[in-house]
N, C-alpha and C. Protein backbone atom coordinates (compact mmCIF):
# COMPACT_ATOMS: atom_id res chain seq x y z
N UNK A 1 0.81 -1.21 0.00
CA UNK A 1 0.00 0.00 0.00
C UNK A 1 0.85 1.26 0.00
N UNK A 2 2.06 1.16 0.36
CA UNK A 2 2.93 2.32 0.35
C UNK A 2 2.64 3.30 1.47
N UNK A 3 2.19 2.82 2.63
CA UNK A 3 1.88 3.71 3.74
C UNK A 3 3.15 4.10 4.48
N UNK A 4 3.23 5.39 4.87
CA UNK A 4 4.41 5.80 5.63
C UNK A 4 4.23 5.43 7.10
N UNK A 5 5.25 5.72 7.89
CA UNK A 5 5.25 5.28 9.29
C UNK A 5 4.08 5.85 10.08
N UNK A 6 3.73 7.11 9.85
CA UNK A 6 2.63 7.74 10.60
C UNK A 6 1.30 7.07 10.29
N UNK A 7 1.12 6.69 9.02
CA UNK A 7 -0.13 6.03 8.65
C UNK A 7 -0.20 4.62 9.22
N UNK A 8 0.94 3.96 9.30
CA UNK A 8 0.97 2.64 9.95
C UNK A 8 0.61 2.76 11.42
N UNK A 9 1.01 3.86 12.05
CA UNK A 9 0.66 4.09 13.45
C UNK A 9 -0.85 4.16 13.62
N UNK A 10 -1.53 4.74 12.64
CA UNK A 10 -2.99 4.83 12.70
C UNK A 10 -3.61 3.44 12.59
N UNK A 11 -3.02 2.59 11.74
CA UNK A 11 -3.52 1.21 11.63
C UNK A 11 -3.41 0.48 12.97
N UNK A 12 -2.32 0.73 13.67
CA UNK A 12 -2.05 -0.01 14.91
C UNK A 12 -2.65 0.66 16.14
N UNK A 13 -2.66 2.00 16.17
CA UNK A 13 -3.08 2.72 17.38
C UNK A 13 -4.49 3.30 17.30
N UNK A 14 -5.02 3.46 16.11
CA UNK A 14 -6.35 4.02 15.97
C UNK A 14 -6.37 5.54 15.94
N UNK A 15 -7.54 6.11 16.18
CA UNK A 15 -7.71 7.56 16.05
C UNK A 15 -8.08 8.24 17.36
N UNK A 16 -7.81 7.56 18.46
CA UNK A 16 -8.07 8.18 19.76
C UNK A 16 -9.54 8.45 20.00
N UNK A 17 -9.86 9.71 20.35
CA UNK A 17 -11.25 10.04 20.70
C UNK A 17 -12.06 10.62 19.54
N UNK A 18 -11.55 10.49 18.31
CA UNK A 18 -12.33 10.94 17.15
C UNK A 18 -13.57 10.07 16.99
N UNK A 19 -14.72 10.70 16.74
CA UNK A 19 -15.97 9.96 16.55
C UNK A 19 -16.25 9.87 15.05
N UNK A 20 -16.34 8.64 14.54
CA UNK A 20 -16.54 8.41 13.10
C UNK A 20 -17.82 7.63 12.86
N UNK A 21 -18.39 7.82 11.66
CA UNK A 21 -19.57 7.04 11.31
C UNK A 21 -19.13 5.70 10.71
N UNK A 22 -20.10 4.88 10.23
CA UNK A 22 -19.78 3.55 9.74
C UNK A 22 -18.86 3.56 8.52
N UNK A 23 -18.84 4.66 7.79
CA UNK A 23 -17.99 4.75 6.61
C UNK A 23 -16.66 5.44 6.91
N UNK A 24 -16.41 5.70 8.18
CA UNK A 24 -15.13 6.29 8.56
C UNK A 24 -15.10 7.80 8.47
N UNK A 25 -16.23 8.43 8.24
CA UNK A 25 -16.27 9.89 8.15
C UNK A 25 -16.50 10.50 9.54
N UNK A 26 -15.95 11.69 9.76
CA UNK A 26 -16.10 12.37 11.05
C UNK A 26 -17.54 12.82 11.24
N UNK A 27 -18.06 12.66 12.46
CA UNK A 27 -19.44 13.04 12.75
C UNK A 27 -19.61 14.56 12.69
N UNK A 28 -18.70 15.30 13.32
CA UNK A 28 -18.81 16.76 13.34
C UNK A 28 -17.40 17.35 13.31
N UNK A 29 -16.89 17.58 12.09
CA UNK A 29 -15.51 18.06 11.94
C UNK A 29 -15.34 19.51 12.42
N UNK A 30 -16.44 20.26 12.49
CA UNK A 30 -16.32 21.67 12.89
C UNK A 30 -15.83 21.81 14.33
N UNK A 31 -16.07 20.78 15.16
CA UNK A 31 -15.67 20.85 16.56
C UNK A 31 -14.25 20.30 16.78
N UNK A 32 -13.60 19.85 15.72
CA UNK A 32 -12.26 19.27 15.86
C UNK A 32 -11.20 20.34 16.11
N UNK A 33 -10.24 20.00 16.91
CA UNK A 33 -9.07 20.86 17.08
C UNK A 33 -8.18 20.70 15.86
N UNK A 34 -7.21 21.58 15.64
CA UNK A 34 -6.28 21.44 14.51
C UNK A 34 -5.58 20.08 14.50
N UNK A 35 -5.21 19.59 15.68
CA UNK A 35 -4.53 18.29 15.75
C UNK A 35 -5.48 17.16 15.36
N UNK A 36 -6.75 17.26 15.78
CA UNK A 36 -7.75 16.25 15.43
C UNK A 36 -8.03 16.25 13.93
N UNK A 37 -8.06 17.46 13.34
CA UNK A 37 -8.28 17.55 11.90
C UNK A 37 -7.13 16.90 11.13
N UNK A 38 -5.93 17.12 11.62
CA UNK A 38 -4.75 16.52 11.00
C UNK A 38 -4.80 14.99 11.11
N UNK A 39 -5.19 14.52 12.29
CA UNK A 39 -5.30 13.07 12.52
C UNK A 39 -6.39 12.46 11.65
N UNK A 40 -7.53 13.16 11.55
CA UNK A 40 -8.63 12.66 10.74
C UNK A 40 -8.21 12.55 9.27
N UNK A 41 -7.48 13.55 8.77
CA UNK A 41 -7.03 13.53 7.38
C UNK A 41 -6.13 12.33 7.12
N UNK A 42 -5.24 12.06 8.06
CA UNK A 42 -4.35 10.91 7.91
C UNK A 42 -5.14 9.60 7.97
N UNK A 43 -6.12 9.55 8.88
CA UNK A 43 -6.94 8.34 8.98
C UNK A 43 -7.73 8.12 7.71
N UNK A 44 -8.30 9.20 7.15
CA UNK A 44 -9.07 9.09 5.92
C UNK A 44 -8.20 8.52 4.79
N UNK A 45 -6.95 8.97 4.71
CA UNK A 45 -6.03 8.48 3.70
C UNK A 45 -5.68 7.01 3.93
N UNK A 46 -5.46 6.66 5.20
CA UNK A 46 -5.11 5.28 5.54
C UNK A 46 -6.25 4.33 5.22
N UNK A 47 -7.45 4.72 5.64
CA UNK A 47 -8.61 3.86 5.39
C UNK A 47 -8.88 3.71 3.90
N UNK A 48 -8.72 4.81 3.16
CA UNK A 48 -8.92 4.75 1.71
C UNK A 48 -7.92 3.82 1.04
N UNK A 49 -6.67 3.87 1.47
CA UNK A 49 -5.64 2.99 0.91
C UNK A 49 -5.96 1.53 1.21
N UNK A 50 -6.46 1.28 2.41
CA UNK A 50 -6.80 -0.08 2.81
C UNK A 50 -7.97 -0.61 1.99
N UNK A 51 -9.00 0.21 1.80
CA UNK A 51 -10.17 -0.19 1.03
C UNK A 51 -9.77 -0.47 -0.42
N UNK A 52 -8.90 0.36 -0.97
CA UNK A 52 -8.45 0.19 -2.36
C UNK A 52 -7.64 -1.09 -2.54
N UNK A 53 -6.88 -1.48 -1.51
CA UNK A 53 -5.95 -2.60 -1.63
C UNK A 53 -6.61 -3.96 -1.50
N UNK A 54 -7.77 -4.05 -0.87
CA UNK A 54 -8.38 -5.35 -0.64
C UNK A 54 -9.51 -5.61 -1.63
N UNK A 55 -9.80 -6.89 -1.95
CA UNK A 55 -10.90 -7.22 -2.85
C UNK A 55 -12.25 -6.77 -2.28
N UNK A 56 -13.19 -6.54 -3.18
CA UNK A 56 -14.51 -6.06 -2.75
C UNK A 56 -15.17 -7.05 -1.80
N UNK A 57 -14.99 -8.36 -2.07
CA UNK A 57 -15.61 -9.38 -1.22
C UNK A 57 -15.10 -9.28 0.22
N UNK A 58 -13.80 -8.97 0.37
CA UNK A 58 -13.24 -8.83 1.70
C UNK A 58 -13.76 -7.57 2.39
N UNK A 59 -13.90 -6.50 1.60
CA UNK A 59 -14.41 -5.25 2.16
C UNK A 59 -15.84 -5.42 2.68
N UNK A 60 -16.65 -6.19 1.95
CA UNK A 60 -18.04 -6.37 2.36
C UNK A 60 -18.13 -7.08 3.72
N UNK A 61 -17.12 -7.89 4.04
CA UNK A 61 -17.13 -8.60 5.33
C UNK A 61 -16.88 -7.65 6.50
N UNK A 62 -16.27 -6.49 6.19
CA UNK A 62 -15.92 -5.57 7.27
C UNK A 62 -16.48 -4.18 7.03
N UNK A 63 -17.55 -4.10 6.26
CA UNK A 63 -18.13 -2.80 5.93
C UNK A 63 -18.68 -2.06 7.15
N UNK A 64 -18.85 -2.80 8.24
CA UNK A 64 -19.35 -2.17 9.46
C UNK A 64 -18.22 -1.60 10.32
N UNK A 65 -16.98 -1.77 9.87
CA UNK A 65 -15.84 -1.27 10.64
C UNK A 65 -15.60 0.19 10.26
N UNK A 66 -15.67 1.09 11.23
CA UNK A 66 -15.57 2.51 10.92
C UNK A 66 -14.13 3.02 10.85
N UNK A 67 -13.22 2.33 11.52
CA UNK A 67 -11.83 2.82 11.55
C UNK A 67 -10.90 1.88 10.80
N UNK A 68 -9.81 2.45 10.35
CA UNK A 68 -8.79 1.65 9.66
C UNK A 68 -8.22 0.59 10.59
N UNK A 69 -8.07 0.93 11.87
CA UNK A 69 -7.55 -0.02 12.84
C UNK A 69 -8.46 -1.24 12.95
N UNK A 70 -9.77 -1.02 13.02
CA UNK A 70 -10.72 -2.12 13.14
C UNK A 70 -10.70 -2.99 11.88
N UNK A 71 -10.57 -2.36 10.72
CA UNK A 71 -10.51 -3.12 9.47
C UNK A 71 -9.24 -3.95 9.40
N UNK A 72 -8.13 -3.35 9.80
CA UNK A 72 -6.85 -4.05 9.77
C UNK A 72 -6.85 -5.23 10.74
N UNK A 73 -7.44 -5.04 11.91
CA UNK A 73 -7.54 -6.11 12.90
C UNK A 73 -8.38 -7.27 12.36
N UNK A 74 -9.45 -6.93 11.63
CA UNK A 74 -10.30 -7.96 11.04
C UNK A 74 -9.55 -8.76 9.99
N UNK A 75 -8.76 -8.06 9.16
CA UNK A 75 -7.95 -8.75 8.16
C UNK A 75 -6.94 -9.69 8.80
N UNK A 76 -6.29 -9.21 9.85
CA UNK A 76 -5.30 -10.03 10.55
C UNK A 76 -5.95 -11.27 11.14
N UNK A 77 -7.15 -11.10 11.70
CA UNK A 77 -7.85 -12.23 12.30
C UNK A 77 -8.24 -13.26 11.25
N UNK A 78 -8.64 -12.78 10.05
CA UNK A 78 -9.06 -13.69 8.99
C UNK A 78 -7.90 -14.42 8.34
N UNK A 79 -6.79 -13.71 8.13
CA UNK A 79 -5.68 -14.29 7.38
C UNK A 79 -4.59 -14.89 8.27
N UNK A 80 -4.43 -14.39 9.47
CA UNK A 80 -3.40 -14.92 10.35
C UNK A 80 -4.00 -15.74 11.48
N UNK A 81 -5.29 -15.61 11.69
CA UNK A 81 -5.94 -16.32 12.78
C UNK A 81 -5.89 -15.51 14.06
N UNK A 82 -6.85 -15.74 14.92
CA UNK A 82 -6.87 -15.05 16.20
C UNK A 82 -5.73 -15.55 17.06
N UNK A 83 -5.49 -14.87 18.17
CA UNK A 83 -4.38 -15.25 19.05
C UNK A 83 -4.54 -16.68 19.53
N UNK A 84 -5.75 -17.07 19.91
CA UNK A 84 -5.97 -18.43 20.40
C UNK A 84 -5.75 -19.46 19.30
N UNK A 85 -6.17 -19.12 18.07
CA UNK A 85 -5.97 -20.04 16.95
C UNK A 85 -4.49 -20.21 16.68
N UNK A 86 -3.74 -19.10 16.69
CA UNK A 86 -2.29 -19.18 16.46
C UNK A 86 -1.61 -20.00 17.55
N UNK A 87 -2.05 -19.80 18.80
CA UNK A 87 -1.47 -20.57 19.90
C UNK A 87 -1.74 -22.05 19.74
N UNK A 88 -2.95 -22.40 19.30
CA UNK A 88 -3.31 -23.80 19.10
C UNK A 88 -2.48 -24.42 17.97
N UNK A 89 -2.32 -23.65 16.88
CA UNK A 89 -1.50 -24.14 15.76
C UNK A 89 -0.05 -24.34 16.19
N UNK A 90 0.44 -23.40 16.99
CA UNK A 90 1.83 -23.49 17.45
C UNK A 90 2.03 -24.72 18.32
N UNK A 91 1.11 -24.95 19.25
CA UNK A 91 1.21 -26.12 20.12
C UNK A 91 1.17 -27.42 19.31
N UNK A 92 0.33 -27.45 18.28
CA UNK A 92 0.23 -28.64 17.43
C UNK A 92 1.54 -28.89 16.69
N UNK A 93 2.13 -27.82 16.14
CA UNK A 93 3.38 -27.98 15.40
C UNK A 93 4.54 -28.32 16.32
N UNK A 94 4.55 -27.74 17.52
CA UNK A 94 5.60 -28.08 18.50
C UNK A 94 5.50 -29.56 18.86
N UNK A 95 4.27 -30.05 19.03
CA UNK A 95 4.06 -31.46 19.33
C UNK A 95 4.58 -32.34 18.20
N UNK A 96 4.30 -31.94 16.95
CA UNK A 96 4.79 -32.68 15.80
C UNK A 96 6.31 -32.65 15.73
N UNK A 97 6.87 -31.51 16.10
CA UNK A 97 8.34 -31.36 16.09
C UNK A 97 8.97 -32.32 17.11
N UNK A 98 8.41 -32.36 18.30
CA UNK A 98 8.97 -33.21 19.36
C UNK A 98 8.85 -34.69 19.01
N UNK A 99 7.80 -35.06 18.30
CA UNK A 99 7.57 -36.46 17.95
C UNK A 99 8.13 -36.84 16.57
N UNK A 100 8.79 -35.90 15.93
CA UNK A 100 9.26 -36.14 14.55
C UNK A 100 10.20 -37.34 14.48
N UNK A 101 9.93 -38.23 13.53
CA UNK A 101 10.77 -39.40 13.29
C UNK A 101 10.92 -39.63 11.79
N UNK A 102 12.08 -40.12 11.41
CA UNK A 102 12.28 -40.49 10.01
C UNK A 102 11.57 -41.82 9.76
N UNK A 103 10.86 -41.93 8.65
CA UNK A 103 10.14 -43.15 8.31
C UNK A 103 11.12 -44.18 7.76
N UNK A 104 10.80 -45.44 7.94
CA UNK A 104 11.69 -46.52 7.53
C UNK A 104 11.93 -46.52 6.02
N UNK A 105 10.92 -46.17 5.25
CA UNK A 105 11.05 -46.20 3.79
C UNK A 105 11.38 -44.83 3.21
N UNK A 106 11.86 -43.93 4.04
CA UNK A 106 12.11 -42.55 3.64
C UNK A 106 13.60 -42.31 3.44
N UNK A 107 13.93 -41.50 2.44
CA UNK A 107 15.33 -41.12 2.22
C UNK A 107 15.67 -39.92 3.09
N UNK A 108 16.96 -39.64 3.22
CA UNK A 108 17.39 -38.47 4.00
C UNK A 108 16.83 -37.20 3.37
N UNK A 109 16.83 -37.11 2.05
CA UNK A 109 16.31 -35.93 1.36
C UNK A 109 14.83 -35.74 1.65
N UNK A 110 14.07 -36.83 1.63
CA UNK A 110 12.64 -36.74 1.90
C UNK A 110 12.38 -36.35 3.35
N UNK A 111 13.16 -36.93 4.26
CA UNK A 111 13.02 -36.60 5.67
C UNK A 111 13.34 -35.13 5.91
N UNK A 112 14.41 -34.65 5.28
CA UNK A 112 14.85 -33.27 5.45
C UNK A 112 13.79 -32.30 4.93
N UNK A 113 13.20 -32.63 3.77
CA UNK A 113 12.16 -31.77 3.19
C UNK A 113 10.94 -31.70 4.11
N UNK A 114 10.54 -32.83 4.66
CA UNK A 114 9.40 -32.87 5.57
C UNK A 114 9.69 -32.10 6.85
N UNK A 115 10.91 -32.21 7.33
CA UNK A 115 11.31 -31.52 8.55
C UNK A 115 11.33 -30.00 8.34
N UNK A 116 11.84 -29.56 7.17
CA UNK A 116 11.91 -28.13 6.88
C UNK A 116 10.53 -27.51 6.74
N UNK A 117 9.59 -28.27 6.20
CA UNK A 117 8.22 -27.78 6.09
C UNK A 117 7.64 -27.53 7.48
N UNK A 118 7.95 -28.43 8.40
CA UNK A 118 7.49 -28.27 9.78
C UNK A 118 8.15 -27.06 10.44
N UNK A 119 9.44 -26.89 10.23
CA UNK A 119 10.17 -25.76 10.81
C UNK A 119 9.66 -24.44 10.25
N UNK A 120 9.38 -24.40 8.94
CA UNK A 120 8.86 -23.18 8.32
C UNK A 120 7.52 -22.79 8.92
N UNK A 121 6.67 -23.78 9.18
CA UNK A 121 5.38 -23.50 9.81
C UNK A 121 5.54 -22.91 11.20
N UNK A 122 6.52 -23.40 11.94
CA UNK A 122 6.79 -22.86 13.27
C UNK A 122 7.32 -21.43 13.20
N UNK A 123 8.16 -21.16 12.21
CA UNK A 123 8.71 -19.82 12.06
C UNK A 123 7.62 -18.81 11.71
N UNK A 124 6.68 -19.21 10.87
CA UNK A 124 5.57 -18.33 10.51
C UNK A 124 4.76 -17.95 11.74
N UNK A 125 4.63 -18.90 12.65
CA UNK A 125 3.88 -18.66 13.89
C UNK A 125 4.77 -18.09 14.99
N UNK A 126 5.97 -17.63 14.59
CA UNK A 126 6.91 -16.97 15.51
C UNK A 126 7.40 -17.90 16.63
N UNK A 127 7.52 -19.19 16.30
CA UNK A 127 8.10 -20.15 17.23
C UNK A 127 9.32 -20.75 16.53
N UNK A 128 10.49 -20.43 17.00
CA UNK A 128 11.70 -20.89 16.31
C UNK A 128 12.65 -21.59 17.28
N UNK A 129 13.50 -22.42 16.70
CA UNK A 129 14.52 -23.13 17.44
C UNK A 129 15.88 -22.72 16.89
N UNK A 130 16.94 -22.95 17.66
CA UNK A 130 18.29 -22.67 17.18
C UNK A 130 18.77 -23.88 16.38
N UNK A 131 19.85 -23.67 15.61
CA UNK A 131 20.35 -24.72 14.72
C UNK A 131 20.72 -26.00 15.47
N UNK A 132 21.30 -25.85 16.66
CA UNK A 132 21.70 -27.03 17.43
C UNK A 132 20.49 -27.88 17.82
N UNK A 133 19.34 -27.24 18.02
CA UNK A 133 18.11 -27.99 18.31
C UNK A 133 17.74 -28.88 17.12
N UNK A 134 17.84 -28.30 15.92
CA UNK A 134 17.50 -29.05 14.70
C UNK A 134 18.47 -30.22 14.49
N UNK A 135 19.75 -29.98 14.74
CA UNK A 135 20.76 -31.03 14.58
C UNK A 135 20.46 -32.19 15.52
N UNK A 136 20.23 -31.88 16.78
CA UNK A 136 19.94 -32.93 17.77
C UNK A 136 18.64 -33.65 17.44
N UNK A 137 17.65 -32.89 16.98
CA UNK A 137 16.37 -33.49 16.66
C UNK A 137 16.50 -34.46 15.49
N UNK A 138 17.25 -34.08 14.46
CA UNK A 138 17.43 -34.95 13.30
C UNK A 138 18.14 -36.24 13.70
N UNK A 139 19.16 -36.14 14.53
CA UNK A 139 19.89 -37.33 14.97
C UNK A 139 18.98 -38.27 15.78
N UNK A 140 18.15 -37.69 16.63
CA UNK A 140 17.24 -38.52 17.43
C UNK A 140 16.13 -39.15 16.60
N UNK A 141 15.85 -38.55 15.46
CA UNK A 141 14.74 -39.03 14.64
C UNK A 141 15.12 -40.20 13.75
N UNK A 142 16.40 -40.50 13.64
CA UNK A 142 16.85 -41.55 12.72
C UNK A 142 16.50 -42.95 13.23
N UNK A 143 16.20 -43.89 12.33
CA UNK A 143 15.87 -45.26 12.72
C UNK A 143 17.06 -45.97 13.37
N UNK A 144 16.81 -47.14 13.95
CA UNK A 144 17.82 -47.88 14.71
C UNK A 144 19.04 -48.23 13.86
N UNK A 145 18.87 -48.52 12.58
CA UNK A 145 20.00 -48.92 11.74
C UNK A 145 21.01 -47.79 11.56
N UNK A 146 20.61 -46.57 11.90
CA UNK A 146 21.51 -45.42 11.81
C UNK A 146 22.28 -45.18 13.10
N UNK A 147 22.02 -45.99 14.13
CA UNK A 147 22.61 -45.73 15.43
C UNK A 147 24.15 -45.63 15.41
N UNK A 148 24.86 -46.53 14.71
CA UNK A 148 26.33 -46.41 14.68
C UNK A 148 26.80 -45.06 14.11
N UNK A 149 26.11 -44.59 13.06
CA UNK A 149 26.47 -43.30 12.46
C UNK A 149 26.18 -42.16 13.42
N UNK A 150 25.06 -42.23 14.10
CA UNK A 150 24.70 -41.19 15.07
C UNK A 150 25.75 -41.11 16.17
N UNK A 151 26.14 -42.26 16.68
CA UNK A 151 27.16 -42.30 17.73
C UNK A 151 28.48 -41.71 17.25
N UNK A 152 28.85 -42.04 16.01
CA UNK A 152 30.11 -41.54 15.44
C UNK A 152 30.08 -40.02 15.32
N UNK A 153 28.94 -39.47 14.89
CA UNK A 153 28.81 -38.01 14.75
C UNK A 153 28.86 -37.35 16.12
N UNK A 154 28.17 -37.92 17.09
CA UNK A 154 28.14 -37.33 18.43
C UNK A 154 29.53 -37.33 19.07
N UNK A 155 30.34 -38.34 18.75
CA UNK A 155 31.68 -38.42 19.33
C UNK A 155 32.69 -37.54 18.60
N UNK A 156 32.48 -37.35 17.30
CA UNK A 156 33.47 -36.63 16.49
C UNK A 156 33.15 -35.15 16.31
N UNK A 157 31.90 -34.78 16.48
CA UNK A 157 31.48 -33.40 16.19
C UNK A 157 30.94 -32.70 17.43
N UNK A 158 31.05 -31.39 17.41
CA UNK A 158 30.42 -30.56 18.43
C UNK A 158 29.03 -30.20 17.91
N UNK A 159 28.00 -30.76 18.50
CA UNK A 159 26.65 -30.56 17.99
C UNK A 159 26.17 -29.11 18.13
N UNK A 160 26.83 -28.35 18.98
CA UNK A 160 26.46 -26.94 19.15
C UNK A 160 26.95 -26.07 17.99
N UNK A 161 27.95 -26.54 17.27
CA UNK A 161 28.50 -25.77 16.14
C UNK A 161 28.26 -26.44 14.79
N UNK A 162 27.85 -27.70 14.80
CA UNK A 162 27.60 -28.42 13.55
C UNK A 162 26.37 -27.83 12.86
N UNK A 163 26.52 -27.46 11.59
CA UNK A 163 25.39 -26.88 10.87
C UNK A 163 24.46 -27.97 10.37
N UNK A 164 23.21 -27.60 10.16
CA UNK A 164 22.21 -28.54 9.65
C UNK A 164 22.62 -29.05 8.27
N UNK A 165 23.14 -28.14 7.44
CA UNK A 165 23.55 -28.52 6.07
C UNK A 165 24.68 -29.55 6.09
N UNK A 166 25.67 -29.36 6.97
CA UNK A 166 26.78 -30.32 7.07
C UNK A 166 26.29 -31.67 7.57
N UNK A 167 25.37 -31.64 8.52
CA UNK A 167 24.82 -32.89 9.03
C UNK A 167 24.09 -33.65 7.94
N UNK A 168 23.22 -32.97 7.22
CA UNK A 168 22.45 -33.62 6.15
C UNK A 168 23.38 -34.17 5.08
N UNK A 169 24.42 -33.43 4.72
CA UNK A 169 25.39 -33.89 3.73
C UNK A 169 26.08 -35.17 4.20
N UNK A 170 26.48 -35.21 5.47
CA UNK A 170 27.13 -36.40 6.03
C UNK A 170 26.18 -37.59 6.03
N UNK A 171 24.92 -37.34 6.37
CA UNK A 171 23.94 -38.42 6.40
C UNK A 171 23.65 -38.97 5.00
N UNK A 172 23.65 -38.10 4.00
CA UNK A 172 23.42 -38.55 2.62
C UNK A 172 24.54 -39.46 2.15
N UNK A 173 25.78 -39.11 2.50
CA UNK A 173 26.92 -39.95 2.12
C UNK A 173 26.80 -41.32 2.78
N UNK A 174 26.45 -41.34 4.06
CA UNK A 174 26.29 -42.61 4.77
C UNK A 174 25.11 -43.40 4.21
N UNK A 175 24.09 -42.70 3.76
CA UNK A 175 22.91 -43.37 3.19
C UNK A 175 23.29 -44.18 1.96
N UNK A 176 24.17 -43.62 1.13
CA UNK A 176 24.64 -44.35 -0.06
C UNK A 176 25.32 -45.65 0.34
N UNK A 177 26.16 -45.57 1.38
CA UNK A 177 26.86 -46.76 1.87
C UNK A 177 25.88 -47.79 2.43
N UNK A 178 24.89 -47.32 3.16
CA UNK A 178 23.89 -48.24 3.71
C UNK A 178 23.14 -48.97 2.60
N UNK A 179 22.75 -48.23 1.59
CA UNK A 179 21.98 -48.81 0.49
C UNK A 179 22.81 -49.82 -0.31
N UNK A 180 24.11 -49.57 -0.42
CA UNK A 180 24.98 -50.49 -1.16
C UNK A 180 25.15 -51.82 -0.43
N UNK A 181 25.13 -51.79 0.90
CA UNK A 181 25.38 -52.99 1.69
C UNK A 181 24.12 -53.73 2.11
N UNK A 182 22.96 -53.17 1.76
CA UNK A 182 21.73 -53.88 2.08
C UNK A 182 21.60 -55.09 1.18
N UNK A 183 21.17 -56.25 1.71
CA UNK A 183 21.04 -57.46 0.87
C UNK A 183 20.00 -57.25 -0.22
N UNK A 184 20.34 -57.75 -1.40
CA UNK A 184 19.40 -57.63 -2.51
C UNK A 184 18.18 -58.48 -2.25
N UNK A 185 17.05 -58.04 -2.73
CA UNK A 185 15.82 -58.79 -2.53
C UNK A 185 15.78 -59.99 -3.47
N UNK A 186 15.41 -61.12 -2.90
CA UNK A 186 15.33 -62.34 -3.68
C UNK A 186 13.93 -62.47 -4.28
N UNK A 187 13.89 -63.06 -5.47
CA UNK A 187 12.61 -63.23 -6.14
C UNK A 187 12.23 -64.70 -6.11
N UNK A 188 11.08 -65.00 -5.62
CA UNK A 188 10.59 -66.37 -5.60
C UNK A 188 9.35 -66.46 -6.46
N UNK A 189 9.15 -67.62 -7.04
CA UNK A 189 7.96 -67.84 -7.84
C UNK A 189 7.09 -68.89 -7.19
N UNK A 190 5.82 -68.66 -7.17
CA UNK A 190 4.87 -69.65 -6.67
C UNK A 190 4.00 -70.08 -7.84
N UNK A 191 4.00 -71.34 -8.11
CA UNK A 191 3.20 -71.86 -9.22
C UNK A 191 1.92 -72.43 -8.65
N UNK A 192 0.82 -71.85 -9.05
CA UNK A 192 -0.49 -72.30 -8.58
C UNK A 192 -1.08 -73.27 -9.59
N UNK A 193 -1.66 -74.32 -9.09
CA UNK A 193 -2.26 -75.29 -10.03
C UNK A 193 -3.46 -74.68 -10.74
N UNK A 194 -3.63 -75.03 -11.99
CA UNK A 194 -4.76 -74.52 -12.76
C UNK A 194 -5.53 -75.68 -13.36
N UNK A 195 -6.73 -75.40 -13.75
CA UNK A 195 -7.56 -76.46 -14.32
C UNK A 195 -7.19 -76.76 -15.76
N UNK A 196 -6.57 -75.80 -16.40
CA UNK A 196 -6.21 -75.99 -17.80
C UNK A 196 -4.82 -76.59 -17.93
N UNK A 197 -4.29 -76.50 -19.12
CA UNK A 197 -2.97 -77.04 -19.40
C UNK A 197 -1.87 -76.12 -18.89
N UNK A 198 -2.19 -74.85 -18.78
CA UNK A 198 -1.15 -73.89 -18.37
C UNK A 198 -1.26 -73.59 -16.89
N UNK A 199 -0.22 -73.10 -16.33
CA UNK A 199 -0.22 -72.70 -14.93
C UNK A 199 0.17 -71.24 -14.83
N UNK A 200 -0.23 -70.62 -13.74
CA UNK A 200 0.07 -69.22 -13.54
C UNK A 200 1.13 -69.08 -12.46
N UNK A 201 2.15 -68.32 -12.73
CA UNK A 201 3.24 -68.11 -11.78
C UNK A 201 3.13 -66.71 -11.20
N UNK A 202 3.20 -66.63 -9.90
CA UNK A 202 3.15 -65.35 -9.22
C UNK A 202 4.49 -65.11 -8.55
N UNK A 203 5.05 -63.94 -8.75
CA UNK A 203 6.34 -63.57 -8.16
C UNK A 203 6.12 -62.61 -7.01
N UNK A 204 6.90 -62.80 -5.99
CA UNK A 204 6.88 -61.84 -4.90
C UNK A 204 8.28 -61.66 -4.39
N UNK A 205 8.50 -60.52 -3.70
CA UNK A 205 9.83 -60.20 -3.19
C UNK A 205 9.95 -60.64 -1.75
N UNK A 206 11.12 -61.18 -1.43
CA UNK A 206 11.40 -61.58 -0.07
C UNK A 206 12.64 -60.83 0.40
N UNK A 207 12.57 -60.17 1.53
CA UNK A 207 13.71 -59.42 2.06
C UNK A 207 14.83 -60.37 2.43
């Protein structure tokens, strides 16, 4: 909207004791002091900019709001959620963060992408962790077959200074080694008897 600092103050602080009608117009401007007239002019500009910037459908939802502050608060509540809603979302994401685990059939890249999505959601809700928290969380989330690698990292690295990117890179390298040494799946065939001359063979994989 291109509002300057003073106009943003009106969005956040309101217009004090100015009396406005439902459309934001002053009830009796003749009784205003010079300072009130100046404030009203700024409010009129702020409210006009806000009305111009939002879709008509959104404006109709708040047409009963007389001040720019009330309109802005309504927009924040609709698009960011009320304080209680944000708190509930934050608690839910924190719970997911604490319980985060890498899935058995998941790659390090897939796990990292899922983890970052969770972290981004927490940051939007103004709940953030430091890098060392993420490092420790990722190590704790790994399946049992990763335990030797986790132990090696914990013994060789300072987890307070190890970056998330370096950790993920190290885990990807180890993942390649793990995949190379996993036993190949054997293929077995089961031949089922049929009434005709031919038989049907079904293949399945055995770990």
